[in-house]
Amino acid sequence: MVEFTLVLPVLLVVLFGIIQFGIVFSNYVALTDAVRAGARTAAVSRSAIDPVGDTKARVINASGDLKTADVTPTVTPGPLGWTHGEDVTVKATYPYSISLLGIVVASGNLTSSTTERIE
């Protein structure tokens, strides 16, 4: 019983750390998928009225379980603008924090970026 009492706090911290890391990794995967969807939209919408707005809206709509107010997408077309064959880069950030038993251990921004050629 004494050994269990000594080991239990360490096991709980490790368990909660694994859970928190899993949540952050899940958020990163959702952000990456949203950026990929946005890049695909950007690649096919060069003739749209507002391709940047359409792309940002697609990233936010595809963000899944993430808080859409915290997703910050940016769209950067190539040096020649929205012309056929140019590259467009879609990047998004999302804040994260890992807390163990109420203490913030790590925090920052998750970042994902994808580049596609404009069709």
N, C-alpha and C. Protein backbone atom coordinates (compact mmCIF):
# COMPACT_ATOMS: atom_id res chain seq x y z
N MET A 1 0.82 -1.18 0.00
CA MET A 1 0.00 0.00 0.00
C MET A 1 0.88 1.26 0.00
N VAL A 2 1.97 1.24 0.73
CA VAL A 2 2.86 2.39 0.79
C VAL A 2 3.51 2.61 -0.58
N GLU A 3 3.93 1.54 -1.21
CA GLU A 3 4.55 1.66 -2.53
C GLU A 3 3.55 2.23 -3.54
N PHE A 4 2.34 1.76 -3.50
CA PHE A 4 1.30 2.27 -4.40
C PHE A 4 1.07 3.77 -4.16
N THR A 5 1.06 4.19 -2.94
CA THR A 5 0.87 5.59 -2.60
C THR A 5 2.02 6.44 -3.12
N LEU A 6 3.22 5.91 -3.13
CA LEU A 6 4.37 6.65 -3.63
C LEU A 6 4.40 6.71 -5.16
N VAL A 7 3.95 5.67 -5.81
CA VAL A 7 4.03 5.57 -7.27
C VAL A 7 2.82 6.21 -7.96
N LEU A 8 1.67 6.26 -7.30
CA LEU A 8 0.44 6.76 -7.91
C LEU A 8 0.57 8.18 -8.48
N PRO A 9 1.14 9.15 -7.79
CA PRO A 9 1.24 10.49 -8.39
C PRO A 9 2.07 10.51 -9.67
N VAL A 10 3.13 9.75 -9.71
CA VAL A 10 3.96 9.69 -10.92
C VAL A 10 3.18 9.07 -12.07
N LEU A 11 2.46 8.01 -11.80
CA LEU A 11 1.65 7.37 -12.83
C LEU A 11 0.55 8.30 -13.34
N LEU A 12 -0.08 9.05 -12.45
CA LEU A 12 -1.12 9.98 -12.87
C LEU A 12 -0.57 11.10 -13.75
N VAL A 13 0.60 11.62 -13.39
CA VAL A 13 1.22 12.68 -14.20
C VAL A 13 1.56 12.14 -15.59
N VAL A 14 2.10 10.94 -15.66
CA VAL A 14 2.43 10.33 -16.96
C VAL A 14 1.15 10.09 -17.76
N LEU A 15 0.12 9.59 -17.14
CA LEU A 15 -1.14 9.31 -17.83
C LEU A 15 -1.77 10.60 -18.37
N PHE A 16 -1.84 11.65 -17.54
CA PHE A 16 -2.41 12.90 -17.99
C PHE A 16 -1.54 13.56 -19.05
N GLY A 17 -0.23 13.38 -18.98
CA GLY A 17 0.67 13.89 -20.01
C GLY A 17 0.40 13.23 -21.35
N ILE A 18 0.19 11.94 -21.34
CA ILE A 18 -0.12 11.20 -22.58
C ILE A 18 -1.44 11.69 -23.16
N ILE A 19 -2.43 11.89 -22.32
CA ILE A 19 -3.73 12.37 -22.79
C ILE A 19 -3.61 13.76 -23.40
N GLN A 20 -2.91 14.67 -22.72
CA GLN A 20 -2.74 16.03 -23.23
C GLN A 20 -1.96 16.04 -24.55
N PHE A 21 -0.92 15.23 -24.63
CA PHE A 21 -0.16 15.15 -25.88
C PHE A 21 -1.04 14.62 -27.00
N GLY A 22 -1.89 13.64 -26.71
CA GLY A 22 -2.80 13.10 -27.71
C GLY A 22 -3.78 14.14 -28.22
N ILE A 23 -4.26 15.00 -27.33
CA ILE A 23 -5.18 16.07 -27.74
C ILE A 23 -4.46 17.06 -28.65
N VAL A 24 -3.24 17.44 -28.30
CA VAL A 24 -2.48 18.38 -29.12
C VAL A 24 -2.16 17.76 -30.49
N PHE A 25 -1.81 16.50 -30.51
CA PHE A 25 -1.51 15.83 -31.78
C PHE A 25 -2.77 15.75 -32.65
N SER A 26 -3.90 15.46 -32.04
CA SER A 26 -5.17 15.43 -32.78
C SER A 26 -5.47 16.80 -33.38
N ASN A 27 -5.23 17.86 -32.62
CA ASN A 27 -5.44 19.21 -33.14
C ASN A 27 -4.51 19.51 -34.31
N TYR A 28 -3.26 19.03 -34.23
CA TYR A 28 -2.31 19.24 -35.32
C TYR A 28 -2.77 18.52 -36.59
N VAL A 29 -3.26 17.31 -36.45
CA VAL A 29 -3.74 16.56 -37.61
C VAL A 29 -4.95 17.26 -38.23
N ALA A 30 -5.88 17.76 -37.40
CA ALA A 30 -7.04 18.48 -37.91
C ALA A 30 -6.61 19.76 -38.63
N LEU A 31 -5.63 20.47 -38.08
CA LEU A 31 -5.13 21.69 -38.70
C LEU A 31 -4.46 21.39 -40.04
N THR A 32 -3.68 20.32 -40.09
CA THR A 32 -3.02 19.92 -41.34
C THR A 32 -4.04 19.56 -42.41
N ASP A 33 -5.09 18.83 -42.04
CA ASP A 33 -6.12 18.48 -43.00
C ASP A 33 -6.86 19.72 -43.50
N ALA A 34 -7.12 20.68 -42.61
CA ALA A 34 -7.80 21.91 -43.01
C ALA A 34 -6.93 22.72 -43.98
N VAL A 35 -5.64 22.79 -43.72
CA VAL A 35 -4.74 23.52 -44.61
C VAL A 35 -4.66 22.82 -45.96
N ARG A 36 -4.64 21.51 -45.96
CA ARG A 36 -4.59 20.77 -47.22
C ARG A 36 -5.86 21.03 -48.05
N ALA A 37 -7.02 21.06 -47.38
CA ALA A 37 -8.27 21.35 -48.09
C ALA A 37 -8.27 22.78 -48.63
N GLY A 38 -7.74 23.71 -47.83
CA GLY A 38 -7.66 25.08 -48.30
C GLY A 38 -6.72 25.25 -49.48
N ALA A 39 -5.60 24.54 -49.47
CA ALA A 39 -4.66 24.62 -50.58
C ALA A 39 -5.27 24.06 -51.86
N ARG A 40 -6.04 23.03 -51.73
CA ARG A 40 -6.71 22.47 -52.91
C ARG A 40 -7.73 23.46 -53.47
N THR A 41 -8.46 24.12 -52.58
CA THR A 41 -9.41 25.14 -53.01
C THR A 41 -8.67 26.29 -53.70
N ALA A 42 -7.55 26.71 -53.14
CA ALA A 42 -6.77 27.79 -53.75
C ALA A 42 -6.26 27.40 -55.13
N ALA A 43 -5.88 26.15 -55.28
CA ALA A 43 -5.31 25.69 -56.55
C ALA A 43 -6.33 25.73 -57.69
N VAL A 44 -7.60 25.56 -57.37
CA VAL A 44 -8.62 25.50 -58.43
C VAL A 44 -9.49 26.75 -58.50
N SER A 45 -9.19 27.78 -57.71
CA SER A 45 -10.09 28.94 -57.70
C SER A 45 -9.44 30.22 -58.19
N ARG A 46 -8.54 30.12 -59.18
CA ARG A 46 -7.87 31.33 -59.66
C ARG A 46 -8.83 32.26 -60.38
N SER A 47 -9.92 31.73 -60.94
CA SER A 47 -10.87 32.58 -61.65
C SER A 47 -12.00 33.07 -60.74
N ALA A 48 -11.94 32.76 -59.46
CA ALA A 48 -12.98 33.21 -58.52
C ALA A 48 -12.84 34.70 -58.28
N ILE A 49 -13.90 35.31 -57.79
CA ILE A 49 -13.88 36.74 -57.50
C ILE A 49 -12.91 37.05 -56.36
N ASP A 50 -12.94 36.24 -55.31
CA ASP A 50 -12.07 36.44 -54.14
C ASP A 50 -11.41 35.11 -53.77
N PRO A 51 -10.35 34.71 -54.47
CA PRO A 51 -9.74 33.40 -54.17
C PRO A 51 -9.13 33.33 -52.77
N VAL A 52 -8.60 34.45 -52.26
CA VAL A 52 -8.02 34.44 -50.92
C VAL A 52 -9.11 34.23 -49.88
N GLY A 53 -10.22 34.94 -50.02
CA GLY A 53 -11.34 34.79 -49.08
C GLY A 53 -11.94 33.40 -49.13
N ASP A 54 -12.08 32.86 -50.36
CA ASP A 54 -12.61 31.49 -50.50
C ASP A 54 -11.69 30.48 -49.83
N THR A 55 -10.39 30.67 -49.99
CA THR A 55 -9.43 29.74 -49.41
C THR A 55 -9.45 29.81 -47.89
N LYS A 56 -9.46 31.02 -47.35
CA LYS A 56 -9.51 31.16 -45.89
C LYS A 56 -10.79 30.57 -45.32
N ALA A 57 -11.90 30.78 -46.01
CA ALA A 57 -13.18 30.21 -45.55
C ALA A 57 -13.13 28.69 -45.58
N ARG A 58 -12.49 28.13 -46.60
CA ARG A 58 -12.38 26.67 -46.70
C ARG A 58 -11.53 26.10 -45.57
N VAL A 59 -10.44 26.78 -45.23
CA VAL A 59 -9.59 26.32 -44.13
C VAL A 59 -10.39 26.33 -42.83
N ILE A 60 -11.11 27.39 -42.58
CA ILE A 60 -11.88 27.49 -41.34
C ILE A 60 -13.01 26.47 -41.31
N ASN A 61 -13.70 26.28 -42.44
CA ASN A 61 -14.80 25.31 -42.48
C ASN A 61 -14.32 23.88 -42.35
N ALA A 62 -13.10 23.60 -42.81
CA ALA A 62 -12.56 22.24 -42.77
C ALA A 62 -11.80 21.94 -41.49
N SER A 63 -11.81 22.87 -40.54
CA SER A 63 -11.00 22.69 -39.34
C SER A 63 -11.57 21.69 -38.35
N GLY A 64 -12.73 21.15 -38.61
CA GLY A 64 -13.27 20.06 -37.79
C GLY A 64 -13.57 20.47 -36.37
N ASP A 65 -12.95 19.79 -35.41
CA ASP A 65 -13.23 20.01 -34.00
C ASP A 65 -12.49 21.20 -33.40
N LEU A 66 -11.67 21.89 -34.17
CA LEU A 66 -10.94 23.03 -33.65
C LEU A 66 -11.88 24.22 -33.46
N LYS A 67 -11.55 25.09 -32.53
CA LYS A 67 -12.31 26.33 -32.36
C LYS A 67 -12.02 27.22 -33.55
N THR A 68 -13.03 27.47 -34.36
CA THR A 68 -12.81 28.20 -35.60
C THR A 68 -12.34 29.63 -35.36
N ALA A 69 -12.67 30.22 -34.23
CA ALA A 69 -12.21 31.58 -33.95
C ALA A 69 -10.71 31.64 -33.72
N ASP A 70 -10.09 30.51 -33.34
CA ASP A 70 -8.66 30.48 -33.06
C ASP A 70 -7.81 30.07 -34.25
N VAL A 71 -8.44 29.58 -35.32
CA VAL A 71 -7.69 29.19 -36.52
C VAL A 71 -7.37 30.45 -37.31
N THR A 72 -6.08 30.65 -37.60
CA THR A 72 -5.64 31.85 -38.32
C THR A 72 -4.98 31.44 -39.64
N PRO A 73 -5.75 31.45 -40.75
CA PRO A 73 -5.17 31.08 -42.04
C PRO A 73 -4.56 32.29 -42.76
N THR A 74 -3.50 32.02 -43.52
CA THR A 74 -2.91 33.01 -44.42
C THR A 74 -2.72 32.36 -45.79
N VAL A 75 -2.92 33.15 -46.83
CA VAL A 75 -2.79 32.66 -48.20
C VAL A 75 -1.79 33.55 -48.92
N THR A 76 -0.76 32.92 -49.52
CA THR A 76 0.27 33.67 -50.22
C THR A 76 0.42 33.13 -51.64
N PRO A 77 -0.11 33.86 -52.63
CA PRO A 77 0.09 33.41 -54.02
C PRO A 77 1.53 33.69 -54.45
N GLY A 78 1.91 33.12 -55.57
CA GLY A 78 3.26 33.30 -56.10
C GLY A 78 3.53 34.73 -56.52
N PRO A 79 4.75 35.01 -56.98
CA PRO A 79 5.12 36.38 -57.34
C PRO A 79 4.31 36.95 -58.51
N LEU A 80 3.78 36.09 -59.38
CA LEU A 80 2.97 36.56 -60.51
C LEU A 80 1.49 36.60 -60.17
N GLY A 81 1.12 36.34 -58.92
CA GLY A 81 -0.28 36.38 -58.52
C GLY A 81 -1.01 35.09 -58.83
N TRP A 82 -2.27 35.22 -59.15
CA TRP A 82 -3.13 34.05 -59.36
C TRP A 82 -3.12 33.64 -60.83
N THR A 83 -1.96 33.32 -61.36
CA THR A 83 -1.85 32.88 -62.74
C THR A 83 -1.59 31.38 -62.78
N HIS A 84 -1.96 30.80 -63.91
CA HIS A 84 -1.79 29.37 -64.10
C HIS A 84 -0.31 28.98 -63.97
N GLY A 85 -0.04 27.95 -63.19
CA GLY A 85 1.32 27.44 -63.02
C GLY A 85 2.07 28.01 -61.84
N GLU A 86 1.57 29.08 -61.25
CA GLU A 86 2.21 29.65 -60.05
C GLU A 86 1.88 28.79 -58.84
N ASP A 87 2.70 28.92 -57.82
CA ASP A 87 2.44 28.22 -56.56
C ASP A 87 1.66 29.13 -55.61
N VAL A 88 0.82 28.51 -54.81
CA VAL A 88 0.12 29.23 -53.75
C VAL A 88 0.40 28.48 -52.45
N THR A 89 0.72 29.22 -51.41
CA THR A 89 1.02 28.63 -50.11
C THR A 89 -0.08 29.00 -49.13
N VAL A 90 -0.62 27.99 -48.49
CA VAL A 90 -1.66 28.19 -47.48
C VAL A 90 -1.06 27.75 -46.14
N LYS A 91 -1.15 28.63 -45.17
CA LYS A 91 -0.58 28.38 -43.85
C LYS A 91 -1.63 28.71 -42.81
N ALA A 92 -1.65 27.96 -41.72
CA ALA A 92 -2.59 28.25 -40.64
C ALA A 92 -1.90 27.97 -39.30
N THR A 93 -2.32 28.73 -38.30
CA THR A 93 -1.81 28.52 -36.94
C THR A 93 -2.99 28.31 -36.00
N TYR A 94 -2.71 27.61 -34.91
CA TYR A 94 -3.73 27.31 -33.90
C TYR A 94 -3.02 27.20 -32.55
N PRO A 95 -3.51 27.90 -31.53
CA PRO A 95 -2.82 27.87 -30.24
C PRO A 95 -3.04 26.54 -29.51
N TYR A 96 -2.05 26.15 -28.71
CA TYR A 96 -2.17 24.95 -27.89
C TYR A 96 -1.54 25.20 -26.53
N SER A 97 -1.91 24.39 -25.58
CA SER A 97 -1.23 24.39 -24.28
C SER A 97 -1.36 23.00 -23.67
N ILE A 98 -0.29 22.55 -23.07
CA ILE A 98 -0.28 21.27 -22.39
C ILE A 98 -0.18 21.56 -20.90
N SER A 99 -1.22 21.17 -20.17
CA SER A 99 -1.22 21.41 -18.73
C SER A 99 -1.37 20.09 -17.99
N LEU A 100 -0.59 19.95 -16.95
CA LEU A 100 -0.64 18.76 -16.11
C LEU A 100 -1.06 19.18 -14.71
N LEU A 101 -2.21 18.68 -14.30
CA LEU A 101 -2.77 18.97 -12.99
C LEU A 101 -2.88 20.48 -12.75
N GLY A 102 -3.30 21.21 -13.78
CA GLY A 102 -3.51 22.64 -13.66
C GLY A 102 -2.29 23.50 -13.90
N ILE A 103 -1.13 22.90 -14.12
CA ILE A 103 0.10 23.66 -14.36
C ILE A 103 0.43 23.57 -15.84
N VAL A 104 0.56 24.72 -16.50
CA VAL A 104 0.88 24.74 -17.93
C VAL A 104 2.35 24.39 -18.11
N VAL A 105 2.58 23.27 -18.79
CA VAL A 105 3.93 22.78 -19.02
C VAL A 105 4.50 23.34 -20.32
N ALA A 106 3.67 23.41 -21.36
CA ALA A 106 4.11 23.92 -22.66
C ALA A 106 2.93 24.60 -23.34
N SER A 107 3.23 25.65 -24.09
CA SER A 107 2.18 26.31 -24.87
C SER A 107 2.84 26.99 -26.06
N GLY A 108 2.04 27.31 -27.04
CA GLY A 108 2.55 27.95 -28.24
C GLY A 108 1.53 27.87 -29.34
N ASN A 109 1.99 27.84 -30.57
CA ASN A 109 1.12 27.76 -31.73
C ASN A 109 1.50 26.55 -32.58
N LEU A 110 0.49 25.79 -32.97
CA LEU A 110 0.68 24.74 -33.96
C LEU A 110 0.65 25.43 -35.32
N THR A 111 1.52 25.03 -36.22
CA THR A 111 1.59 25.65 -37.55
C THR A 111 1.63 24.55 -38.60
N SER A 112 0.85 24.75 -39.65
CA SER A 112 0.87 23.82 -40.77
C SER A 112 0.85 24.64 -42.06
N SER A 113 1.55 24.15 -43.07
CA SER A 113 1.66 24.88 -44.33
C SER A 113 1.66 23.89 -45.49
N THR A 114 0.99 24.27 -46.57
CA THR A 114 0.95 23.44 -47.76
C THR A 114 1.08 24.34 -48.99
N THR A 115 1.84 23.89 -49.96
CA THR A 115 2.01 24.63 -51.22
C THR A 115 1.50 23.78 -52.37
N GLU A 116 0.67 24.39 -53.22
CA GLU A 116 0.16 23.70 -54.42
C GLU A 116 0.28 24.61 -55.62
N ARG A 117 0.30 24.01 -56.78
CA ARG A 117 0.39 24.75 -58.03
C ARG A 117 -1.02 25.14 -58.47
N ILE A 118 -1.19 26.38 -58.91
CA ILE A 118 -2.49 26.88 -59.36
C ILE A 118 -2.80 26.28 -60.72
N GLU A 119 -4.00 25.75 -60.83
CA GLU A 119 -4.43 25.12 -62.09
C GLU A 119 -5.06 26.13 -63.02
